[in-house]
N, C-alpha and C. Protein backbone atom coordinates (compact mmCIF):
# COMPACT_ATOMS: atom_id res chain seq x y z
N MET A 1 -0.86 4.39 1.61
CA MET A 1 -1.62 5.54 2.12
C MET A 1 -1.36 5.71 3.62
N SER A 2 -1.41 6.94 4.06
CA SER A 2 -1.18 7.26 5.46
C SER A 2 -2.47 7.22 6.25
N LYS A 3 -2.30 7.01 7.54
CA LYS A 3 -3.42 7.04 8.49
C LYS A 3 -3.03 7.92 9.66
N ILE A 4 -4.04 8.41 10.34
CA ILE A 4 -3.84 9.17 11.57
C ILE A 4 -4.06 8.22 12.74
N ALA A 5 -3.19 8.32 13.74
CA ALA A 5 -3.33 7.47 14.91
C ALA A 5 -2.99 8.26 16.17
N VAL A 6 -3.54 7.80 17.28
CA VAL A 6 -3.21 8.34 18.59
C VAL A 6 -2.64 7.20 19.41
N ILE A 7 -1.45 7.40 19.93
CA ILE A 7 -0.79 6.40 20.78
C ILE A 7 -0.87 6.90 22.21
N SER A 8 -1.46 6.10 23.07
CA SER A 8 -1.54 6.43 24.49
C SER A 8 -0.53 5.57 25.23
N ALA A 9 0.25 6.21 26.08
CA ALA A 9 1.28 5.49 26.83
C ALA A 9 1.19 5.82 28.31
N ILE A 10 1.30 4.80 29.12
CA ILE A 10 1.44 4.99 30.57
C ILE A 10 2.82 4.47 30.95
N LEU A 11 3.60 5.33 31.57
CA LEU A 11 4.93 4.95 32.02
C LEU A 11 4.89 4.81 33.54
N GLU A 12 5.01 3.60 34.01
CA GLU A 12 5.10 3.36 35.44
C GLU A 12 6.58 3.40 35.80
N ASP A 13 6.93 4.17 36.80
CA ASP A 13 8.32 4.41 37.17
C ASP A 13 9.07 5.05 36.01
N PRO A 14 8.66 6.27 35.63
CA PRO A 14 9.26 6.96 34.48
C PRO A 14 10.79 7.10 34.58
N ASN A 15 11.32 7.17 35.78
CA ASN A 15 12.77 7.32 35.93
C ASN A 15 13.52 6.16 35.28
N SER A 16 12.90 5.00 35.23
CA SER A 16 13.58 3.82 34.69
C SER A 16 13.38 3.64 33.19
N CYS A 17 12.38 4.33 32.60
CA CYS A 17 12.06 4.06 31.20
C CYS A 17 11.93 5.29 30.32
N GLN A 18 11.93 6.47 30.90
CA GLN A 18 11.70 7.70 30.13
C GLN A 18 12.77 7.93 29.07
N GLN A 19 14.02 7.67 29.39
CA GLN A 19 15.10 7.92 28.43
C GLN A 19 14.96 7.05 27.19
N LYS A 20 14.73 5.76 27.38
CA LYS A 20 14.55 4.84 26.24
C LYS A 20 13.32 5.23 25.43
N PHE A 21 12.23 5.58 26.12
CA PHE A 21 10.99 6.01 25.48
C PHE A 21 11.27 7.21 24.57
N ASN A 22 11.97 8.22 25.09
CA ASN A 22 12.26 9.43 24.32
C ASN A 22 13.19 9.15 23.13
N GLU A 23 14.14 8.23 23.30
CA GLU A 23 15.03 7.87 22.20
C GLU A 23 14.24 7.28 21.04
N ILE A 24 13.29 6.40 21.35
CA ILE A 24 12.47 5.78 20.30
C ILE A 24 11.59 6.82 19.63
N ILE A 25 10.96 7.68 20.43
CA ILE A 25 10.11 8.74 19.89
C ILE A 25 10.92 9.62 18.94
N SER A 26 12.13 9.97 19.33
CA SER A 26 12.98 10.83 18.49
C SER A 26 13.30 10.17 17.15
N SER A 27 13.45 8.86 17.15
CA SER A 27 13.79 8.17 15.90
C SER A 27 12.60 8.11 14.93
N PHE A 28 11.39 8.43 15.41
CA PHE A 28 10.20 8.46 14.56
C PHE A 28 9.66 9.88 14.40
N LYS A 29 10.51 10.89 14.58
CA LYS A 29 10.04 12.29 14.56
C LYS A 29 9.38 12.68 13.25
N GLY A 30 9.66 11.96 12.16
CA GLY A 30 9.06 12.28 10.88
C GLY A 30 7.57 12.05 10.80
N ILE A 31 7.03 11.16 11.64
CA ILE A 31 5.59 10.89 11.61
C ILE A 31 4.84 11.49 12.79
N ILE A 32 5.56 12.02 13.76
CA ILE A 32 4.93 12.55 14.97
C ILE A 32 4.48 13.99 14.73
N LYS A 33 3.19 14.24 14.97
CA LYS A 33 2.61 15.57 14.75
C LYS A 33 2.36 16.31 16.06
N GLY A 34 2.24 15.58 17.16
CA GLY A 34 2.00 16.23 18.44
C GLY A 34 2.20 15.27 19.59
N ARG A 35 2.57 15.84 20.74
CA ARG A 35 2.81 15.03 21.93
C ARG A 35 2.39 15.82 23.15
N MET A 36 1.69 15.15 24.06
CA MET A 36 1.29 15.78 25.32
C MET A 36 1.64 14.82 26.44
N GLY A 37 2.33 15.30 27.44
CA GLY A 37 2.67 14.46 28.58
C GLY A 37 2.18 15.07 29.87
N ILE A 38 1.68 14.23 30.74
CA ILE A 38 1.22 14.68 32.05
C ILE A 38 1.91 13.83 33.12
N PRO A 39 2.80 14.43 33.92
CA PRO A 39 3.45 13.67 34.98
C PRO A 39 2.56 13.61 36.22
N PHE A 40 2.52 12.46 36.82
CA PHE A 40 1.87 12.28 38.11
C PHE A 40 2.97 11.86 39.09
N ASP A 41 3.82 12.84 39.42
CA ASP A 41 5.01 12.55 40.23
C ASP A 41 4.67 11.90 41.56
N GLU A 42 3.57 12.32 42.15
CA GLU A 42 3.20 11.78 43.46
C GLU A 42 2.84 10.29 43.39
N HIS A 43 2.53 9.80 42.19
CA HIS A 43 2.18 8.39 41.99
C HIS A 43 3.25 7.63 41.23
N GLY A 44 4.29 8.30 40.76
CA GLY A 44 5.35 7.65 40.01
C GLY A 44 4.90 7.16 38.65
N ILE A 45 4.01 7.94 38.00
CA ILE A 45 3.46 7.57 36.69
C ILE A 45 3.47 8.79 35.77
N SER A 46 3.71 8.57 34.49
CA SER A 46 3.53 9.61 33.48
C SER A 46 2.56 9.09 32.43
N VAL A 47 1.68 9.98 31.95
CA VAL A 47 0.73 9.64 30.89
C VAL A 47 1.09 10.49 29.68
N ILE A 48 1.26 9.82 28.53
CA ILE A 48 1.69 10.51 27.33
C ILE A 48 0.76 10.16 26.18
N SER A 49 0.36 11.16 25.41
CA SER A 49 -0.47 10.97 24.22
C SER A 49 0.30 11.51 23.03
N ILE A 50 0.42 10.69 21.97
CA ILE A 50 1.18 11.07 20.78
C ILE A 50 0.29 10.92 19.56
N THR A 51 0.20 11.97 18.76
CA THR A 51 -0.55 11.92 17.50
C THR A 51 0.43 11.74 16.36
N VAL A 52 0.17 10.74 15.51
CA VAL A 52 1.06 10.44 14.40
C VAL A 52 0.28 10.37 13.09
N VAL A 53 0.97 10.64 11.99
CA VAL A 53 0.43 10.45 10.64
C VAL A 53 1.49 9.69 9.87
N GLY A 54 1.13 8.47 9.43
CA GLY A 54 2.11 7.68 8.72
C GLY A 54 1.52 6.41 8.15
N GLU A 55 2.38 5.65 7.47
CA GLU A 55 1.98 4.35 6.95
C GLU A 55 1.72 3.41 8.12
N LEU A 56 0.82 2.47 7.92
CA LEU A 56 0.46 1.53 8.97
C LEU A 56 1.69 0.79 9.50
N ASP A 57 2.60 0.41 8.62
CA ASP A 57 3.82 -0.29 9.06
C ASP A 57 4.67 0.58 9.98
N GLU A 58 4.75 1.87 9.69
CA GLU A 58 5.52 2.79 10.54
C GLU A 58 4.88 2.92 11.92
N ILE A 59 3.57 3.08 11.93
CA ILE A 59 2.85 3.22 13.20
C ILE A 59 3.01 1.95 14.04
N ASN A 60 2.86 0.80 13.41
CA ASN A 60 3.00 -0.47 14.13
C ASN A 60 4.42 -0.67 14.64
N SER A 61 5.40 -0.25 13.86
CA SER A 61 6.79 -0.36 14.30
C SER A 61 7.04 0.50 15.54
N LEU A 62 6.54 1.72 15.52
CA LEU A 62 6.69 2.61 16.67
C LEU A 62 6.02 2.03 17.90
N THR A 63 4.77 1.62 17.77
CA THR A 63 4.06 1.11 18.95
C THR A 63 4.69 -0.18 19.46
N GLY A 64 5.18 -1.02 18.55
CA GLY A 64 5.84 -2.25 18.97
C GLY A 64 7.09 -1.99 19.78
N LYS A 65 7.91 -1.04 19.31
CA LYS A 65 9.14 -0.70 20.02
C LYS A 65 8.84 -0.08 21.39
N LEU A 66 7.84 0.79 21.43
CA LEU A 66 7.48 1.40 22.72
C LEU A 66 6.94 0.35 23.69
N GLY A 67 6.12 -0.55 23.18
CA GLY A 67 5.52 -1.58 24.02
C GLY A 67 6.51 -2.59 24.56
N ASN A 68 7.70 -2.67 23.96
CA ASN A 68 8.72 -3.60 24.44
C ASN A 68 9.57 -3.03 25.57
N ILE A 69 9.34 -1.79 25.94
CA ILE A 69 10.09 -1.19 27.04
C ILE A 69 9.42 -1.61 28.36
N ASP A 70 10.25 -2.04 29.31
CA ASP A 70 9.72 -2.40 30.62
C ASP A 70 9.01 -1.21 31.26
N ASN A 71 7.89 -1.46 31.90
CA ASN A 71 7.09 -0.46 32.62
C ASN A 71 6.39 0.55 31.71
N VAL A 72 6.28 0.24 30.41
CA VAL A 72 5.55 1.09 29.47
C VAL A 72 4.38 0.30 28.92
N TYR A 73 3.18 0.89 28.99
CA TYR A 73 1.95 0.24 28.54
C TYR A 73 1.33 1.11 27.45
N ILE A 74 1.05 0.49 26.30
CA ILE A 74 0.65 1.21 25.09
C ILE A 74 -0.72 0.75 24.60
N LYS A 75 -1.54 1.71 24.18
CA LYS A 75 -2.77 1.45 23.44
C LYS A 75 -2.79 2.42 22.27
N THR A 76 -3.25 1.93 21.12
CA THR A 76 -3.25 2.76 19.92
C THR A 76 -4.62 2.75 19.26
N SER A 77 -5.07 3.90 18.83
CA SER A 77 -6.28 4.04 18.02
C SER A 77 -5.87 4.55 16.65
N ILE A 78 -6.25 3.81 15.61
CA ILE A 78 -5.87 4.15 14.24
C ILE A 78 -7.13 4.42 13.43
N SER A 79 -7.11 5.53 12.69
CA SER A 79 -8.26 5.88 11.86
C SER A 79 -8.45 4.83 10.77
N LYS A 80 -9.70 4.60 10.39
CA LYS A 80 -9.98 3.71 9.27
C LYS A 80 -9.79 4.44 7.95
N LYS A 81 -9.97 5.75 7.98
CA LYS A 81 -9.84 6.57 6.79
C LYS A 81 -8.38 6.76 6.41
N GLU A 82 -8.08 6.54 5.14
CA GLU A 82 -6.73 6.79 4.65
C GLU A 82 -6.64 8.23 4.16
N ILE A 83 -5.50 8.84 4.36
CA ILE A 83 -5.34 10.24 3.94
C ILE A 83 -4.15 10.36 3.00
């Protein structure tokens, strides 16, 4: 069964990690339903929120890969309700 989740990401020094972040996101485009990014150029930080619908294993795989990128910090909220 699928679940809905929101992945919150903070990219410190986006110039060094944005490309890898986007490559991983693109490889999971099948479960991504929405993405919002807010750059804080004056502070060298980007804040990104991604809404996904997928199997728990897929969501965990995505968050694990994102969390392994240097200067990327991830928190995920996953619904308890299965859809």
